[in-house]
C-alpha atoms as a PDB file:
ATOM      1  CA  MET A   1       8.516  58.446  43.523  1.00  0.00           C
ATOM      2  CA  ALA A   2      10.894  57.388  40.813  1.00  0.00           C
ATOM      3  CA  MET A   3      10.160  54.494  38.470  1.00  0.00           C
ATOM      4  CA  PRO A   4      12.626  51.653  38.603  1.00  0.00           C
ATOM      5  CA  LYS A   5      14.756  51.110  35.517  1.00  0.00           C
ATOM      6  CA  PRO A   6      13.854  47.896  33.688  1.00  0.00           C
ATOM      7  CA  SER A   7      16.584  45.324  33.683  1.00  0.00           C
ATOM      8  CA  PRO A   8      17.699  43.724  30.409  1.00  0.00           C
ATOM      9  CA  SER A   9      16.258  40.355  31.458  1.00  0.00           C
ATOM     10  CA  ASN A  10      12.838  41.927  32.034  1.00  0.00           C
ATOM     11  CA  ASN A  11      12.819  44.011  28.840  1.00  0.00           C
ATOM     12  CA  MET A  12      11.369  42.073  25.873  1.00  0.00           C
ATOM     13  CA  ASP A  13      11.544  45.009  23.456  1.00  0.00           C
ATOM     14  CA  SER A  14      15.328  45.172  23.292  1.00  0.00           C
ATOM     15  CA  PRO A  15      16.804  41.678  23.021  1.00  0.00           C
ATOM     16  CA  THR A  16      20.454  41.150  23.679  1.00  0.00           C
ATOM     17  CA  PRO A  17      22.665  40.398  20.679  1.00  0.00           C
ATOM     18  CA  SER A  18      23.055  36.737  21.633  1.00  0.00           C
ATOM     19  CA  SER A  19      19.292  36.206  21.973  1.00  0.00           C
ATOM     20  CA  THR A  20      18.699  37.900  18.583  1.00  0.00           C
ATOM     21  CA  GLY A  21      20.934  35.373  16.822  1.00  0.00           C
ATOM     22  CA  ALA A  22      19.317  32.426  18.558  1.00  0.00           C
ATOM     23  CA  SER A  23      15.842  33.757  17.780  1.00  0.00           C
ATOM     24  CA  TRP A  24      16.748  34.255  14.118  1.00  0.00           C
ATOM     25  CA  PHE A  25      18.205  30.737  13.861  1.00  0.00           C
ATOM     26  CA  SER A  26      15.171  29.237  15.584  1.00  0.00           C
ATOM     27  CA  SER A  27      12.860  31.122  13.239  1.00  0.00           C
ATOM     28  CA  LEU A  28      14.884  29.977  10.201  1.00  0.00           C
ATOM     29  CA  ARG A  29      14.861  26.392  11.450  1.00  0.00           C
ATOM     30  CA  GLN A  30      11.106  26.543  12.005  1.00  0.00           C
ATOM     31  CA  SER A  31      10.622  27.963   8.494  1.00  0.00           C
ATOM     32  CA  CYS A  32      12.771  25.176   7.031  1.00  0.00           C
ATOM     33  CA  TYR A  33      10.730  22.536   8.834  1.00  0.00           C
ATOM     34  CA  TRP A  34       7.556  24.173   7.611  1.00  0.00           C
ATOM     35  CA  TRP A  35       8.798  24.288   3.991  1.00  0.00           C
ATOM     36  CA  LEU A  36      10.006  20.701   4.140  1.00  0.00           C
ATOM     37  CA  SER A  37       6.664  19.603   5.525  1.00  0.00           C
ATOM     38  CA  ALA A  38       4.830  21.588   2.880  1.00  0.00           C
ATOM     39  CA  LEU A  39       7.013  20.187   0.095  1.00  0.00           C
ATOM     40  CA  SER A  40       6.676  16.687   1.450  1.00  0.00           C
ATOM     41  CA  GLY A  41       2.926  17.092   1.521  1.00  0.00           C
ATOM     42  CA  THR A  42       3.018  18.451  -2.022  1.00  0.00           C
ATOM     43  CA  VAL A  43       5.001  15.454  -3.248  1.00  0.00           C
ATOM     44  CA  GLU A  44       2.638  13.066  -1.488  1.00  0.00           C
ATOM     45  CA  THR A  45      -0.344  14.933  -2.890  1.00  0.00           C
ATOM     46  CA  GLU A  46       1.107  14.831  -6.418  1.00  0.00           C
ATOM     47  CA  GLU A  47       1.735  11.097  -6.087  1.00  0.00           C
ATOM     48  CA  GLU A  48      -1.819  10.586  -4.851  1.00  0.00           C
ATOM     49  CA  ILE A  49      -3.170  12.658  -7.761  1.00  0.00           C
ATOM     50  CA  LYS A  50      -1.108  10.603 -10.220  1.00  0.00           C
ATOM     51  CA  ARG A  51      -2.373   7.355  -8.651  1.00  0.00           C
ATOM     52  CA  LEU A  52      -5.969   8.591  -8.792  1.00  0.00           C
ATOM     53  CA  ARG A  53      -5.589   9.618 -12.454  1.00  0.00           C
ATOM     54  CA  ILE A  54      -4.287   6.155 -13.339  1.00  0.00           C
ATOM     55  CA  GLU A  55      -7.122   4.586 -11.373  1.00  0.00           C
ATOM     56  CA  ARG A  56      -9.665   6.822 -13.130  1.00  0.00           C
ATOM     57  CA  GLN A  57      -8.235   5.867 -16.542  1.00  0.00           C
ATOM     58  CA  GLN A  58      -8.491   2.173 -15.634  1.00  0.00           C
ATOM     59  CA  LEU A  59     -12.083   2.688 -14.517  1.00  0.00           C
ATOM     60  CA  LYS A  60     -12.872   4.434 -17.809  1.00  0.00           C
ATOM     61  CA  GLN A  61     -11.425   1.476 -19.722  1.00  0.00           C
ATOM     62  CA  GLU A  62     -13.363  -1.010 -17.600  1.00  0.00           C
ATOM     63  CA  THR A  63     -16.549   1.022 -18.077  1.00  0.00           C
ATOM     64  CA  GLU A  64     -16.040   1.047 -21.845  1.00  0.00           C
ATOM     65  CA  GLN A  65     -15.450  -2.716 -21.839  1.00  0.00           C
ATOM     66  CA  LEU A  66     -18.640  -3.206 -19.832  1.00  0.00           C
ATOM     67  CA  ARG A  67     -20.562  -1.019 -22.304  1.00  0.00           C
ATOM     68  CA  GLN A  68     -19.273  -3.132 -25.190  1.00  0.00           C
ATOM     69  CA  GLN A  69     -20.217  -6.327 -23.384  1.00  0.00           C
ATOM     70  CA  LYS A  70     -23.667  -4.902 -22.648  1.00  0.00           C
ATOM     71  CA  LEU A  71     -24.162  -4.076 -26.343  1.00  0.00           C
ATOM     72  CA  GLN A  72     -23.047  -7.571 -27.325  1.00  0.00           C
ATOM     73  CA  LEU A  73     -25.401  -9.133 -24.782  1.00  0.00           C
ATOM     74  CA  ARG A  74     -28.301  -7.001 -26.048  1.00  0.00           C
ATOM     75  CA  SER A  75     -27.530  -8.047 -29.587  1.00  0.00           C
ATOM     76  CA  GLU A  76     -27.341 -11.696 -28.564  1.00  0.00           C
ATOM     77  CA  THR A  77     -30.577 -11.374 -26.570  1.00  0.00           C
ATOM     78  CA  ASP A  78     -32.352  -9.814 -29.556  1.00  0.00           C
ATOM     79  CA  ARG A  79     -31.037 -12.576 -31.838  1.00  0.00           C
ATOM     80  CA  LEU A  80     -32.254 -15.249 -29.422  1.00  0.00           C
ATOM     81  CA  LYS A  81     -35.674 -13.585 -29.132  1.00  0.00           C
ATOM     82  CA  ASN A  82     -36.006 -13.554 -32.926  1.00  0.00           C
ATOM     83  CA  GLU A  83     -34.879 -17.172 -33.138  1.00  0.00           C
ATOM     84  CA  THR A  84     -37.340 -18.164 -30.407  1.00  0.00           C
ATOM     85  CA  ALA A  85     -40.160 -16.377 -32.234  1.00  0.00           C
ATOM     86  CA  GLN A  86     -39.233 -18.168 -35.479  1.00  0.00           C
ATOM     87  CA  LEU A  87     -39.149 -21.537 -33.688  1.00  0.00           C
ATOM     88  CA  LYS A  88     -42.555 -20.867 -32.131  1.00  0.00           C
ATOM     89  CA  SER A  89     -43.932 -19.928 -35.537  1.00  0.00           C
ATOM     90  CA  GLU A  90     -42.434 -23.043 -37.142  1.00  0.00           C
ATOM     91  CA  THR A  91     -43.760 -25.223 -34.298  1.00  0.00           C
ATOM     92  CA  GLU A  92     -47.250 -23.781 -34.774  1.00  0.00           C
ATOM     93  CA  ARG A  93     -47.062 -24.332 -38.547  1.00  0.00           C
ATOM     94  CA  LEU A  94     -45.979 -27.959 -38.007  1.00  0.00           C
ATOM     95  CA  ARG A  95     -48.746 -28.479 -35.448  1.00  0.00           C
ATOM     96  CA  GLN A  96     -51.300 -27.249 -37.975  1.00  0.00           C
ATOM     97  CA  GLN A  97     -49.903 -29.519 -40.688  1.00  0.00           C
ATOM     98  CA  ASN A  98     -49.970 -32.498 -38.336  1.00  0.00           C
ATOM     99  CA  ALA A  99     -53.587 -31.709 -37.520  1.00  0.00           C
ATOM    100  CA  LYS A 100     -54.405 -31.631 -41.270  1.00  0.00           C
ATOM    101  CA  ILE A 101     -52.584 -34.930 -41.841  1.00  0.00           C
ATOM    102  CA  ASP A 102     -54.394 -36.513 -38.896  1.00  0.00           C
ATOM    103  CA  ALA A 103     -57.719 -35.267 -40.336  1.00  0.00           C
ATOM    104  CA  ILE A 104     -56.940 -36.739 -43.767  1.00  0.00           C
ATOM    105  CA  PHE A 105     -55.823 -40.059 -42.241  1.00  0.00           C
ATOM    106  CA  SER A 106     -58.967 -40.142 -40.151  1.00  0.00           C
ATOM    107  CA  LYS A 107     -61.148 -39.414 -43.210  1.00  0.00           C
ATOM    108  CA  TYR A 108     -59.691 -42.356 -45.114  1.00  0.00           C
ATOM    109  CA  ASP A 109     -59.418 -44.572 -42.040  1.00  0.00           C
ATOM    110  CA  ILE A 110     -55.631 -44.732 -42.127  1.00  0.00           C
ATOM    111  CA  ASN A 111     -53.716 -45.371 -38.928  1.00  0.00           C
ATOM    112  CA  SER A 112     -51.155 -42.685 -38.419  1.00  0.00           C
ATOM    113  CA  THR A 113     -49.057 -44.944 -36.245  1.00  0.00           C
ATOM    114  CA  PRO A 114     -47.905 -48.101 -37.966  1.00  0.00           C
ATOM    115  CA  VAL A 115     -49.065 -51.372 -36.511  1.00  0.00           C
ATOM    116  CA  PRO A 116     -46.129 -53.536 -35.519  1.00  0.00           C
ATOM    117  CA  LYS A 117     -45.756 -56.617 -37.646  1.00  0.00           C
ATOM    118  CA  THR A 118     -45.858 -59.898 -35.860  1.00  0.00           C
ATOM    119  CA  GLU A 119     -43.388 -62.508 -36.784  1.00  0.00           C
ATOM    120  CA  GLN A 120     -44.827 -65.722 -38.055  1.00  0.00           C
ATOM    121  CA  PRO A 121     -42.947 -68.964 -37.526  1.00  0.00           C
END
């Protein structure tokens, strides 16, 4: 039995000249779309990277400002603690002096609070 000869429409290994041109153009068009998509993605990615770099720089500046503010607040807190300690010490010293004065007044029978004068007609 003889094998039938393949027809050109059934043979995929030997394309006709017109189908070769169409296939080449389709392949070129597909490559162009791919490259345009890739380039477009690259541009978008570069823009996103640039935006993120700017954002990161702003965050660094904000972080540095917050560090400075934190140092200032610590300094102010330390100053207020020292001032509070000094005021407590001064208050205690004055309390002791008042106690001594009250003891002396009591010893000599002196009223520490003045008696209001009455008006005489």
